[in-house]
Amino acid sequence: MARLTILPVDGAVYEDDVVVDKLDLSSCGIPADLHALHWDGSAGHIEFTDLRENEEITELPSWVSACIAKRDEYKAAEAAALAEAAAEAAQAQ
């Protein structure tokens, strides 16, 4: 898997160098005290909103797949809107 960062406060999902932000991640099951998740492809860590130490992880939490699905839904809707706009512009010519 690629490098991944999730910042719930920004509604942001970064994969490698591509970001989709302002997503509504509220239904993804992200713990309320999570500030960020960072993943390098094989390991990573979770940062918390309080003074706790970062938690090292060797597998992604289950809620990450819900965040990725939200990102994918957004990208699909954006692509569909662009295709529709292009089709309308072509018809107008």
C-alpha atoms as a PDB file:
ATOM      1  CA  MET A   1       0.000   0.000   0.000  1.00  0.00           C
ATOM      2  CA  ALA A   2       1.011   3.577  -0.615  1.00  0.00           C
ATOM      3  CA  ARG A   3       1.942   6.206   1.932  1.00  0.00           C
ATOM      4  CA  LEU A   4      -1.190   7.396   3.677  1.00  0.00           C
ATOM      5  CA  THR A   5      -2.060  10.248   6.031  1.00  0.00           C
ATOM      6  CA  ILE A   6      -5.501  10.910   7.461  1.00  0.00           C
ATOM      7  CA  LEU A   7      -6.257  14.203   9.214  1.00  0.00           C
ATOM      8  CA  PRO A   8      -9.837  14.033  10.493  1.00  0.00           C
ATOM      9  CA  VAL A   9     -10.006  17.680  11.590  1.00  0.00           C
ATOM     10  CA  ASP A  10      -9.412  18.717   7.955  1.00  0.00           C
ATOM     11  CA  GLY A  11     -11.431  15.853   6.491  1.00  0.00           C
ATOM     12  CA  ALA A  12      -8.254  15.028   4.579  1.00  0.00           C
ATOM     13  CA  VAL A  13      -7.000  11.771   3.113  1.00  0.00           C
ATOM     14  CA  TYR A  14      -3.519  11.921   1.593  1.00  0.00           C
ATOM     15  CA  GLU A  15      -2.255   9.053  -0.533  1.00  0.00           C
ATOM     16  CA  ASP A  16       1.314   9.516  -1.658  1.00  0.00           C
ATOM     17  CA  ASP A  17       1.304  13.148  -2.841  1.00  0.00           C
ATOM     18  CA  VAL A  18      -2.412  13.403  -3.689  1.00  0.00           C
ATOM     19  CA  VAL A  19      -4.833  14.906  -1.189  1.00  0.00           C
ATOM     20  CA  VAL A  20      -8.597  15.060  -1.034  1.00  0.00           C
ATOM     21  CA  ASP A  21      -9.772  17.281   1.777  1.00  0.00           C
ATOM     22  CA  LYS A  22     -12.957  18.693   3.248  1.00  0.00           C
ATOM     23  CA  LEU A  23     -14.445  15.171   3.277  1.00  0.00           C
ATOM     24  CA  ASP A  24     -17.128  14.316   5.817  1.00  0.00           C
ATOM     25  CA  LEU A  25     -15.373  11.535   7.713  1.00  0.00           C
ATOM     26  CA  SER A  26     -17.809  11.608  10.641  1.00  0.00           C
ATOM     27  CA  SER A  27     -19.351   8.232   9.743  1.00  0.00           C
ATOM     28  CA  CYS A  28     -16.004   6.445   9.360  1.00  0.00           C
ATOM     29  CA  GLY A  29     -15.608   5.405  12.995  1.00  0.00           C
ATOM     30  CA  ILE A  30     -12.464   7.435  13.636  1.00  0.00           C
ATOM     31  CA  PRO A  31     -11.723   7.656  17.365  1.00  0.00           C
ATOM     32  CA  ALA A  32     -12.610  11.109  18.712  1.00  0.00           C
ATOM     33  CA  ASP A  33      -9.162  11.602  20.265  1.00  0.00           C
ATOM     34  CA  LEU A  34      -7.237  10.947  17.040  1.00  0.00           C
ATOM     35  CA  HIS A  35      -5.322  13.838  15.497  1.00  0.00           C
ATOM     36  CA  ALA A  36      -3.641  12.034  12.586  1.00  0.00           C
ATOM     37  CA  LEU A  37      -2.702   8.674  11.173  1.00  0.00           C
ATOM     38  CA  HIS A  38       0.553   8.331   9.236  1.00  0.00           C
ATOM     39  CA  TRP A  39       1.386   5.185   7.270  1.00  0.00           C
ATOM     40  CA  ASP A  40       4.522   4.584   5.180  1.00  0.00           C
ATOM     41  CA  GLY A  41       3.248   1.522   3.343  1.00  0.00           C
ATOM     42  CA  SER A  42       4.191  -1.069   5.938  1.00  0.00           C
ATOM     43  CA  ALA A  43       4.077   0.681   9.321  1.00  0.00           C
ATOM     44  CA  GLY A  44       3.120   3.961  10.850  1.00  0.00           C
ATOM     45  CA  HIS A  45       1.812   5.779  13.867  1.00  0.00           C
ATOM     46  CA  ILE A  46      -1.246   7.463  15.280  1.00  0.00           C
ATOM     47  CA  GLU A  47      -1.082  10.923  16.826  1.00  0.00           C
ATOM     48  CA  PHE A  48      -3.605  11.849  19.494  1.00  0.00           C
ATOM     49  CA  THR A  49      -5.209  15.163  20.449  1.00  0.00           C
ATOM     50  CA  ASP A  50      -4.056  14.880  24.060  1.00  0.00           C
ATOM     51  CA  LEU A  51      -0.559  14.542  25.507  1.00  0.00           C
ATOM     52  CA  ARG A  52      -0.267  10.788  24.934  1.00  0.00           C
ATOM     53  CA  GLU A  53       2.716   9.393  23.103  1.00  0.00           C
ATOM     54  CA  ASN A  54       2.176   8.405  19.476  1.00  0.00           C
ATOM     55  CA  GLU A  55       0.993   4.829  19.012  1.00  0.00           C
ATOM     56  CA  GLU A  56       3.138   2.801  16.635  1.00  0.00           C
ATOM     57  CA  ILE A  57       1.127   0.554  14.299  1.00  0.00           C
ATOM     58  CA  THR A  58       2.018  -2.306  11.970  1.00  0.00           C
ATOM     59  CA  GLU A  59      -1.428  -2.678  10.429  1.00  0.00           C
ATOM     60  CA  LEU A  60      -4.074  -0.167   9.508  1.00  0.00           C
ATOM     61  CA  PRO A  61      -7.108   0.200  11.780  1.00  0.00           C
ATOM     62  CA  SER A  62     -10.400  -0.967  10.292  1.00  0.00           C
ATOM     63  CA  TRP A  63     -11.798   2.574  10.051  1.00  0.00           C
ATOM     64  CA  VAL A  64      -9.137   3.512   7.490  1.00  0.00           C
ATOM     65  CA  SER A  65     -10.974   1.592   4.753  1.00  0.00           C
ATOM     66  CA  ALA A  66     -14.082   3.715   5.413  1.00  0.00           C
ATOM     67  CA  CYS A  67     -12.009   6.902   4.989  1.00  0.00           C
ATOM     68  CA  ILE A  68     -10.538   5.608   1.727  1.00  0.00           C
ATOM     69  CA  ALA A  69     -14.046   4.700   0.508  1.00  0.00           C
ATOM     70  CA  LYS A  70     -15.224   8.275   1.262  1.00  0.00           C
ATOM     71  CA  ARG A  71     -12.265   9.632  -0.684  1.00  0.00           C
ATOM     72  CA  ASP A  72     -12.992   7.294  -3.606  1.00  0.00           C
ATOM     73  CA  GLU A  73     -16.684   8.277  -3.618  1.00  0.00           C
ATOM     74  CA  TYR A  74     -15.712  11.936  -3.761  1.00  0.00           C
ATOM     75  CA  LYS A  75     -13.242  11.370  -6.605  1.00  0.00           C
ATOM     76  CA  ALA A  76     -15.824   9.357  -8.583  1.00  0.00           C
ATOM     77  CA  ALA A  77     -18.463  12.071  -8.138  1.00  0.00           C
ATOM     78  CA  GLU A  78     -15.961  14.734  -9.174  1.00  0.00           C
ATOM     79  CA  ALA A  79     -15.009  12.762 -12.308  1.00  0.00           C
ATOM     80  CA  ALA A  80     -18.678  12.246 -13.204  1.00  0.00           C
ATOM     81  CA  ALA A  81     -19.379  15.969 -12.813  1.00  0.00           C
ATOM     82  CA  LEU A  82     -16.427  16.848 -15.046  1.00  0.00           C
ATOM     83  CA  ALA A  83     -17.550  14.336 -17.686  1.00  0.00           C
ATOM     84  CA  GLU A  84     -21.085  15.731 -17.584  1.00  0.00           C
ATOM     85  CA  ALA A  85     -19.802  19.305 -17.937  1.00  0.00           C
ATOM     86  CA  ALA A  86     -17.632  18.295 -20.883  1.00  0.00           C
ATOM     87  CA  ALA A  87     -20.564  16.549 -22.559  1.00  0.00           C
ATOM     88  CA  GLU A  88     -22.778  19.608 -22.077  1.00  0.00           C
ATOM     89  CA  ALA A  89     -20.078  21.883 -23.468  1.00  0.00           C
ATOM     90  CA  ALA A  90     -19.661  19.616 -26.490  1.00  0.00           C
ATOM     91  CA  GLN A  91     -23.416  19.665 -27.142  1.00  0.00           C
ATOM     92  CA  ALA A  92     -23.513  23.443 -26.891  1.00  0.00           C
ATOM     93  CA  GLN A  93     -21.006  23.795 -29.737  1.00  0.00           C
END
